[in-house]
Amino acid sequence: MADETVEQQHLPGEKRPLLTLFSVAVMFLGGGVLGLGLAEWRAPTSWVSHFVSLFVLPLSYIASLVVWQGFFIIWGLLRLLFKLLKRTSPRMSHEQALQHLRRKALIMLPVAPVLCTPVGVVVGLSGGALLSTTAIYFATGALYAGVMYGLAQKDLLPLLEEV
């Protein structure tokens, strides 16, 4: 991307809006369906388990985006403040900003497992297999976060200002 002109460079999701929209739809709808499938498997008679499982992965998606991009904004403001105190230019090239945004996507990895684990406890209490259900929900959250990280590396997650 170093030899591209400024017009050819893009922000995540900007160059491929249909592919980004598709990835958002799959993560949202697929997350809800996956959650319902887990609830049906682990606690088939509990409507509470179905309800919380339906929303945990889509909410993890939203929370991960907020954490990722919020952290990047705070990091950028701190970097700007530090540069101003040193009296150097706070400017960063577009490519450098994209690389930093991709690297900071690691911050979103713990969000889904942290949100899915308590739901796993609720479902486990409803279905009678607490430890195994909690472990399954934790692993599902971790895999979901890994997919989100991969999408961030491929510039297929939308920026909050684009939503």
Protein backbone atom coordinates (compact mmCIF):
# COMPACT_ATOMS: atom_id res chain seq x y z
CA MET A 1 0.00 0.00 0.00
CA ALA A 2 3.07 2.23 0.24
CA ASP A 3 3.09 2.97 -3.49
CA GLU A 4 -0.60 3.90 -3.64
CA THR A 5 -1.61 7.50 -4.03
CA VAL A 6 -3.54 9.32 -1.32
CA GLU A 7 -6.79 8.84 -3.25
CA GLN A 8 -6.35 5.04 -3.28
CA GLN A 9 -5.79 4.72 0.46
CA HIS A 10 -8.84 3.98 2.55
CA LEU A 11 -10.14 3.70 6.05
CA PRO A 12 -11.39 0.33 7.29
CA GLY A 13 -14.61 -0.62 5.53
CA GLU A 14 -14.57 2.42 3.27
CA LYS A 15 -13.27 0.76 0.11
CA ARG A 16 -15.54 -2.29 0.25
CA PRO A 17 -18.86 -1.13 1.69
CA LEU A 18 -20.87 -4.16 0.52
CA LEU A 19 -18.36 -6.61 1.98
CA THR A 20 -18.29 -4.64 5.23
CA LEU A 21 -22.10 -4.61 5.35
CA PHE A 22 -22.10 -8.36 4.72
CA SER A 23 -19.60 -8.97 7.53
CA VAL A 24 -21.67 -6.85 9.94
CA ALA A 25 -24.86 -8.73 8.99
CA VAL A 26 -23.20 -12.12 9.38
CA MET A 27 -21.70 -11.21 12.75
CA PHE A 28 -25.00 -9.83 14.06
CA LEU A 29 -27.40 -12.41 12.67
CA GLY A 30 -24.94 -15.28 12.96
CA GLY A 31 -24.17 -14.30 16.55
CA GLY A 32 -27.84 -14.32 17.46
CA VAL A 33 -28.46 -17.66 15.75
CA LEU A 34 -25.35 -19.17 17.34
CA GLY A 35 -26.49 -17.93 20.75
CA LEU A 36 -29.93 -19.44 20.28
CA GLY A 37 -28.36 -22.71 19.15
CA LEU A 38 -26.18 -22.84 22.26
CA ALA A 39 -29.14 -22.12 24.52
CA GLU A 40 -31.23 -24.78 22.80
CA TRP A 41 -28.40 -27.29 23.22
CA ARG A 42 -27.54 -26.52 26.84
CA ALA A 43 -30.90 -25.42 28.35
CA PRO A 44 -33.72 -26.22 25.92
CA THR A 45 -36.58 -25.45 28.31
CA SER A 46 -35.35 -22.10 29.65
CA TRP A 47 -36.76 -19.01 27.94
CA VAL A 48 -34.36 -16.82 29.99
CA SER A 49 -31.40 -18.73 28.57
CA HIS A 50 -32.72 -18.29 25.06
CA PHE A 51 -33.30 -14.58 25.58
CA VAL A 52 -29.84 -13.74 27.00
CA SER A 53 -28.10 -16.06 24.52
CA LEU A 54 -29.84 -14.38 21.59
CA PHE A 55 -28.31 -11.01 22.45
CA VAL A 56 -24.92 -11.77 24.01
CA LEU A 57 -22.86 -12.12 20.81
CA PRO A 58 -24.41 -9.16 18.94
CA LEU A 59 -23.90 -7.01 22.05
CA SER A 60 -20.33 -8.31 22.28
CA TYR A 61 -19.84 -7.13 18.70
CA ILE A 62 -21.02 -3.61 19.53
CA ALA A 63 -19.05 -3.46 22.79
CA SER A 64 -15.89 -4.67 21.05
CA LEU A 65 -16.16 -1.94 18.42
CA VAL A 66 -16.66 0.70 21.09
CA VAL A 67 -13.73 -0.54 23.17
CA TRP A 68 -11.45 -0.85 20.13
CA GLN A 69 -12.17 2.51 18.60
CA GLY A 70 -12.55 4.28 21.94
CA PHE A 71 -9.12 3.06 22.98
CA PHE A 72 -7.70 4.26 19.66
CA ILE A 73 -9.22 7.73 20.18
CA ILE A 74 -7.80 7.98 23.71
CA TRP A 75 -4.42 6.73 22.49
CA GLY A 76 -4.46 9.34 19.71
CA LEU A 77 -5.30 12.17 22.12
CA LEU A 78 -2.52 11.13 24.48
CA ARG A 79 -0.09 10.89 21.58
CA LEU A 80 -1.12 14.36 20.41
CA LEU A 81 -0.65 15.79 23.88
CA PHE A 82 2.78 14.19 24.20
CA LYS A 83 3.83 15.50 20.78
CA LEU A 84 2.64 19.01 21.64
CA LEU A 85 4.61 18.96 24.90
CA LYS A 86 7.72 17.89 23.00
CA ARG A 87 7.02 20.61 20.40
CA THR A 88 7.22 18.16 17.51
CA SER A 89 4.76 17.62 14.71
CA PRO A 90 1.79 15.49 15.85
CA ARG A 91 1.04 14.43 12.27
CA MET A 92 0.86 10.79 11.36
CA SER A 93 0.54 9.47 7.83
CA HIS A 94 -2.68 7.80 6.80
CA GLU A 95 -0.93 4.43 6.47
CA GLN A 96 0.58 4.77 9.96
CA ALA A 97 -2.86 5.52 11.40
CA LEU A 98 -4.32 2.41 9.72
CA GLN A 99 -1.48 0.24 11.02
CA HIS A 100 -2.00 1.54 14.56
CA LEU A 101 -5.76 0.99 14.31
CA ARG A 102 -5.20 -2.62 13.19
CA ARG A 103 -2.65 -3.27 15.95
CA LYS A 104 -4.95 -1.83 18.60
CA ALA A 105 -7.65 -4.33 17.54
CA LEU A 106 -6.08 -6.71 20.08
CA ILE A 107 -7.86 -4.69 22.75
CA MET A 108 -11.20 -6.14 21.59
CA LEU A 109 -10.21 -9.78 22.15
CA PRO A 110 -11.26 -10.07 25.82
CA VAL A 111 -14.62 -8.29 25.40
CA ALA A 112 -16.72 -11.16 24.00
CA PRO A 113 -15.40 -13.83 26.40
CA VAL A 114 -15.97 -11.49 29.36
CA LEU A 115 -19.56 -10.85 28.25
CA CYS A 116 -20.29 -14.47 27.30
CA THR A 117 -19.03 -16.06 30.52
CA PRO A 118 -21.79 -14.70 32.81
CA VAL A 119 -24.38 -15.72 30.22
CA GLY A 120 -22.83 -19.18 30.28
CA VAL A 121 -23.32 -19.22 34.05
CA VAL A 122 -27.01 -18.28 33.66
CA VAL A 123 -27.55 -20.91 30.99
CA GLY A 124 -25.57 -23.47 32.99
CA LEU A 125 -27.69 -22.87 36.07
CA SER A 126 -30.83 -23.23 33.95
CA GLY A 127 -29.65 -26.40 32.23
CA GLY A 128 -27.90 -28.11 35.12
CA ALA A 129 -24.37 -28.33 33.69
CA LEU A 130 -22.74 -25.20 35.07
CA LEU A 131 -19.01 -25.76 34.45
CA SER A 132 -19.22 -27.25 30.98
CA THR A 133 -21.79 -24.69 29.79
CA THR A 134 -19.75 -21.80 31.15
CA ALA A 135 -16.64 -23.16 29.42
CA ILE A 136 -18.54 -23.54 26.14
CA TYR A 137 -19.83 -19.98 26.31
CA PHE A 138 -16.36 -18.67 27.17
CA ALA A 139 -14.84 -20.56 24.22
CA THR A 140 -17.61 -19.34 21.91
CA GLY A 141 -16.92 -15.75 22.99
CA ALA A 142 -13.20 -16.23 22.42
CA LEU A 143 -13.75 -17.64 18.93
CA TYR A 144 -16.20 -14.84 18.12
CA ALA A 145 -13.62 -12.28 19.25
CA GLY A 146 -10.99 -13.99 17.10
CA VAL A 147 -13.22 -13.67 14.05
CA MET A 148 -13.76 -9.99 14.86
CA TYR A 149 -10.00 -9.49 15.17
CA GLY A 150 -9.52 -11.13 11.77
CA LEU A 151 -12.16 -8.86 10.24
CA ALA A 152 -10.41 -5.83 11.76
CA GLN A 153 -7.12 -6.94 10.19
CA LYS A 154 -8.84 -7.17 6.80
CA ASP A 155 -10.51 -3.73 7.21
CA LEU A 156 -13.98 -5.29 7.27
CA LEU A 157 -15.24 -3.74 10.49
CA PRO A 158 -17.00 -0.38 10.23
CA LEU A 159 -15.78 2.69 12.01
CA LEU A 160 -18.30 4.10 14.46
CA GLU A 161 -18.58 7.32 12.49
CA GLU A 162 -19.67 5.32 9.42
CA VAL A 163 -22.48 3.51 11.26
